[in-house]
Amino acid sequence: MDFEGIVYRVLEPVKGTSARGEWTKQEVVFELPGEFSRKLCVSFWGDKAQEAAGLAPGENVTVSINLESREYNGRWF
């Protein structure tokens, strides 16, 4: 899915270690223009996290994302 938006906020990066090694996550909040503007938080992982960290608030961008939901203990996220 592609969308166009304005970078609203670049959150602090999160780093950690799992059984598969080190990982990095960068979350960016985008504002989607329209009659009722909405905000969408997108998580970028690995190499994409480094690219996303270079975004600046107010920047107009086109983003390609994969949408996915997961079930955990009967709840969907």
N, C-alpha and C. Protein backbone atom coordinates (compact mmCIF):
# COMPACT_ATOMS: atom_id res chain seq x y z
N MET A 1 0.84 -1.17 0.00
CA MET A 1 0.00 0.00 0.00
C MET A 1 0.89 1.23 0.00
N ASP A 2 0.56 2.21 -0.81
CA ASP A 2 1.29 3.47 -0.86
C ASP A 2 0.40 4.57 -0.32
N PHE A 3 1.03 5.55 0.34
CA PHE A 3 0.30 6.73 0.76
C PHE A 3 1.23 7.93 0.73
N GLU A 4 0.64 9.11 0.58
CA GLU A 4 1.39 10.35 0.64
C GLU A 4 1.03 11.03 1.95
N GLY A 5 2.04 11.56 2.62
CA GLY A 5 1.79 12.22 3.88
C GLY A 5 2.89 13.20 4.22
N ILE A 6 2.68 13.88 5.31
CA ILE A 6 3.65 14.85 5.82
C ILE A 6 4.23 14.27 7.10
N VAL A 7 5.55 14.30 7.23
CA VAL A 7 6.18 13.80 8.45
C VAL A 7 5.76 14.70 9.60
N TYR A 8 5.07 14.13 10.57
CA TYR A 8 4.60 14.87 11.73
C TYR A 8 5.64 14.83 12.85
N ARG A 9 6.19 13.63 13.09
CA ARG A 9 7.17 13.46 14.16
C ARG A 9 8.00 12.20 13.92
N VAL A 10 9.30 12.31 14.18
CA VAL A 10 10.19 11.14 14.12
C VAL A 10 10.52 10.79 15.57
N LEU A 11 10.07 9.62 16.02
CA LEU A 11 10.26 9.22 17.40
C LEU A 11 11.68 8.71 17.62
N GLU A 12 12.06 8.56 18.87
CA GLU A 12 13.39 8.05 19.20
C GLU A 12 13.54 6.61 18.71
N PRO A 13 14.70 6.25 18.17
CA PRO A 13 14.90 4.87 17.72
C PRO A 13 14.96 3.92 18.91
N VAL A 14 14.55 2.68 18.68
CA VAL A 14 14.59 1.64 19.70
C VAL A 14 15.51 0.54 19.21
N LYS A 15 16.45 0.13 20.05
CA LYS A 15 17.38 -0.94 19.68
C LYS A 15 17.31 -2.05 20.71
N GLY A 16 17.59 -3.26 20.27
CA GLY A 16 17.56 -4.39 21.18
C GLY A 16 18.29 -5.58 20.59
N THR A 17 18.27 -6.66 21.36
CA THR A 17 18.90 -7.89 20.93
C THR A 17 17.91 -9.03 21.14
N SER A 18 17.82 -9.89 20.13
CA SER A 18 16.95 -11.06 20.22
C SER A 18 17.80 -12.30 19.95
N ALA A 19 17.16 -13.44 19.89
CA ALA A 19 17.87 -14.68 19.61
C ALA A 19 18.53 -14.64 18.23
N ARG A 20 17.99 -13.81 17.32
CA ARG A 20 18.54 -13.71 15.97
C ARG A 20 19.57 -12.59 15.82
N GLY A 21 19.85 -11.87 16.89
CA GLY A 21 20.85 -10.80 16.83
C GLY A 21 20.26 -9.44 17.16
N GLU A 22 21.03 -8.41 16.86
CA GLU A 22 20.60 -7.05 17.17
C GLU A 22 19.57 -6.56 16.16
N TRP A 23 18.68 -5.69 16.63
CA TRP A 23 17.66 -5.11 15.77
C TRP A 23 17.48 -3.64 16.10
N THR A 24 16.96 -2.90 15.13
CA THR A 24 16.67 -1.48 15.31
C THR A 24 15.29 -1.20 14.74
N LYS A 25 14.51 -0.39 15.47
CA LYS A 25 13.18 0.02 15.01
C LYS A 25 13.10 1.54 15.08
N GLN A 26 12.59 2.14 14.01
CA GLN A 26 12.38 3.59 13.97
C GLN A 26 10.92 3.84 13.67
N GLU A 27 10.22 4.54 14.54
CA GLU A 27 8.82 4.86 14.29
C GLU A 27 8.70 6.32 13.84
N VAL A 28 7.85 6.52 12.85
CA VAL A 28 7.60 7.85 12.30
C VAL A 28 6.10 8.05 12.25
N VAL A 29 5.64 9.22 12.70
CA VAL A 29 4.22 9.56 12.65
C VAL A 29 4.02 10.47 11.44
N PHE A 30 3.08 10.06 10.57
CA PHE A 30 2.75 10.83 9.38
C PHE A 30 1.38 11.44 9.54
N GLU A 31 1.20 12.64 9.00
CA GLU A 31 -0.12 13.26 8.95
C GLU A 31 -0.64 13.10 7.53
N LEU A 32 -1.83 12.52 7.42
CA LEU A 32 -2.44 12.29 6.12
C LEU A 32 -3.41 13.43 5.83
N PRO A 33 -3.15 14.21 4.80
CA PRO A 33 -4.02 15.36 4.51
C PRO A 33 -5.39 14.91 4.03
N GLY A 34 -6.36 15.74 4.23
CA GLY A 34 -7.72 15.46 3.79
C GLY A 34 -8.68 16.33 4.56
N GLU A 35 -9.96 16.12 4.34
CA GLU A 35 -10.98 16.91 5.04
C GLU A 35 -10.82 16.75 6.55
N PHE A 36 -10.58 15.53 6.99
CA PHE A 36 -10.31 15.24 8.40
C PHE A 36 -8.92 14.63 8.45
N SER A 37 -7.92 15.44 8.77
CA SER A 37 -6.55 14.90 8.76
C SER A 37 -6.41 13.82 9.82
N ARG A 38 -5.65 12.81 9.47
CA ARG A 38 -5.42 11.68 10.36
C ARG A 38 -3.92 11.51 10.54
N LYS A 39 -3.55 10.88 11.63
CA LYS A 39 -2.14 10.58 11.87
C LYS A 39 -1.96 9.06 11.85
N LEU A 40 -0.83 8.64 11.29
CA LEU A 40 -0.53 7.23 11.14
C LEU A 40 0.90 6.99 11.58
N CYS A 41 1.10 6.08 12.55
CA CYS A 41 2.43 5.74 13.03
C CYS A 41 2.90 4.49 12.29
N VAL A 42 4.08 4.58 11.66
CA VAL A 42 4.64 3.47 10.89
C VAL A 42 5.96 3.08 11.52
N SER A 43 6.18 1.78 11.69
CA SER A 43 7.44 1.24 12.24
C SER A 43 8.32 0.78 11.09
N PHE A 44 9.55 1.24 11.10
CA PHE A 44 10.55 0.82 10.11
C PHE A 44 11.60 -0.01 10.83
N TRP A 45 12.03 -1.12 10.21
CA TRP A 45 12.97 -2.05 10.84
C TRP A 45 14.24 -2.17 10.03
N GLY A 46 15.35 -2.48 10.69
CA GLY A 46 16.61 -2.77 10.03
C GLY A 46 17.14 -1.61 9.21
N ASP A 47 17.52 -1.89 7.95
CA ASP A 47 18.08 -0.86 7.08
C ASP A 47 17.09 0.27 6.82
N LYS A 48 15.82 -0.06 6.76
CA LYS A 48 14.79 0.96 6.54
C LYS A 48 14.69 1.92 7.72
N ALA A 49 15.04 1.45 8.92
CA ALA A 49 15.02 2.31 10.11
C ALA A 49 16.04 3.43 9.97
N GLN A 50 17.20 3.11 9.42
CA GLN A 50 18.23 4.13 9.22
C GLN A 50 17.77 5.17 8.21
N GLU A 51 17.11 4.74 7.15
CA GLU A 51 16.58 5.67 6.16
C GLU A 51 15.51 6.57 6.77
N ALA A 52 14.60 5.98 7.55
CA ALA A 52 13.51 6.74 8.15
C ALA A 52 14.01 7.75 9.17
N ALA A 53 15.13 7.45 9.82
CA ALA A 53 15.69 8.37 10.82
C ALA A 53 16.10 9.69 10.19
N GLY A 54 16.34 9.69 8.88
CA GLY A 54 16.74 10.91 8.18
C GLY A 54 15.59 11.80 7.77
N LEU A 55 14.36 11.39 8.04
CA LEU A 55 13.21 12.21 7.70
C LEU A 55 13.09 13.39 8.66
N ALA A 56 12.54 14.50 8.17
CA ALA A 56 12.39 15.70 9.00
C ALA A 56 10.93 16.11 9.06
N PRO A 57 10.47 16.58 10.23
CA PRO A 57 9.09 17.05 10.34
C PRO A 57 8.78 18.11 9.28
N GLY A 58 7.59 17.99 8.70
CA GLY A 58 7.15 18.90 7.66
C GLY A 58 7.47 18.43 6.25
N GLU A 59 8.27 17.39 6.13
CA GLU A 59 8.66 16.87 4.82
C GLU A 59 7.51 16.09 4.19
N ASN A 60 7.23 16.34 2.92
CA ASN A 60 6.22 15.59 2.16
C ASN A 60 6.88 14.35 1.59
N VAL A 61 6.27 13.17 1.83
CA VAL A 61 6.86 11.92 1.36
C VAL A 61 5.78 10.99 0.83
N THR A 62 6.21 10.05 0.00
CA THR A 62 5.37 8.94 -0.44
C THR A 62 5.98 7.69 0.19
N VAL A 63 5.15 6.92 0.89
CA VAL A 63 5.63 5.75 1.63
C VAL A 63 4.93 4.50 1.12
N SER A 64 5.71 3.43 0.93
CA SER A 64 5.16 2.12 0.59
C SER A 64 5.27 1.24 1.83
N ILE A 65 4.14 0.69 2.28
CA ILE A 65 4.14 -0.12 3.49
C ILE A 65 3.42 -1.44 3.26
N ASN A 66 3.72 -2.40 4.12
CA ASN A 66 2.98 -3.65 4.18
C ASN A 66 2.15 -3.60 5.45
N LEU A 67 0.85 -3.73 5.30
CA LEU A 67 -0.04 -3.72 6.46
C LEU A 67 -0.18 -5.13 6.99
N GLU A 68 -0.17 -5.25 8.32
CA GLU A 68 -0.33 -6.57 8.93
C GLU A 68 -0.89 -6.39 10.34
N SER A 69 -1.78 -7.26 10.72
CA SER A 69 -2.29 -7.34 12.09
C SER A 69 -1.98 -8.71 12.63
N ARG A 70 -1.81 -8.77 13.95
CA ARG A 70 -1.53 -10.05 14.59
C ARG A 70 -2.44 -10.24 15.79
N GLU A 71 -2.75 -11.51 16.04
CA GLU A 71 -3.59 -11.85 17.18
C GLU A 71 -2.68 -12.28 18.35
N TYR A 72 -2.99 -11.78 19.53
CA TYR A 72 -2.27 -12.16 20.73
C TYR A 72 -3.27 -12.26 21.86
N ASN A 73 -3.44 -13.45 22.42
CA ASN A 73 -4.38 -13.69 23.51
C ASN A 73 -5.79 -13.22 23.19
N GLY A 74 -6.22 -13.49 21.98
CA GLY A 74 -7.60 -13.14 21.60
C GLY A 74 -7.79 -11.70 21.20
N ARG A 75 -6.74 -10.89 21.20
CA ARG A 75 -6.84 -9.49 20.80
C ARG A 75 -6.01 -9.27 19.55
N TRP A 76 -6.47 -8.36 18.72
CA TRP A 76 -5.76 -8.06 17.47
C TRP A 76 -5.07 -6.72 17.57
N PHE A 77 -3.85 -6.70 17.07
CA PHE A 77 -3.04 -5.48 17.09
C PHE A 77 -2.54 -5.20 15.69
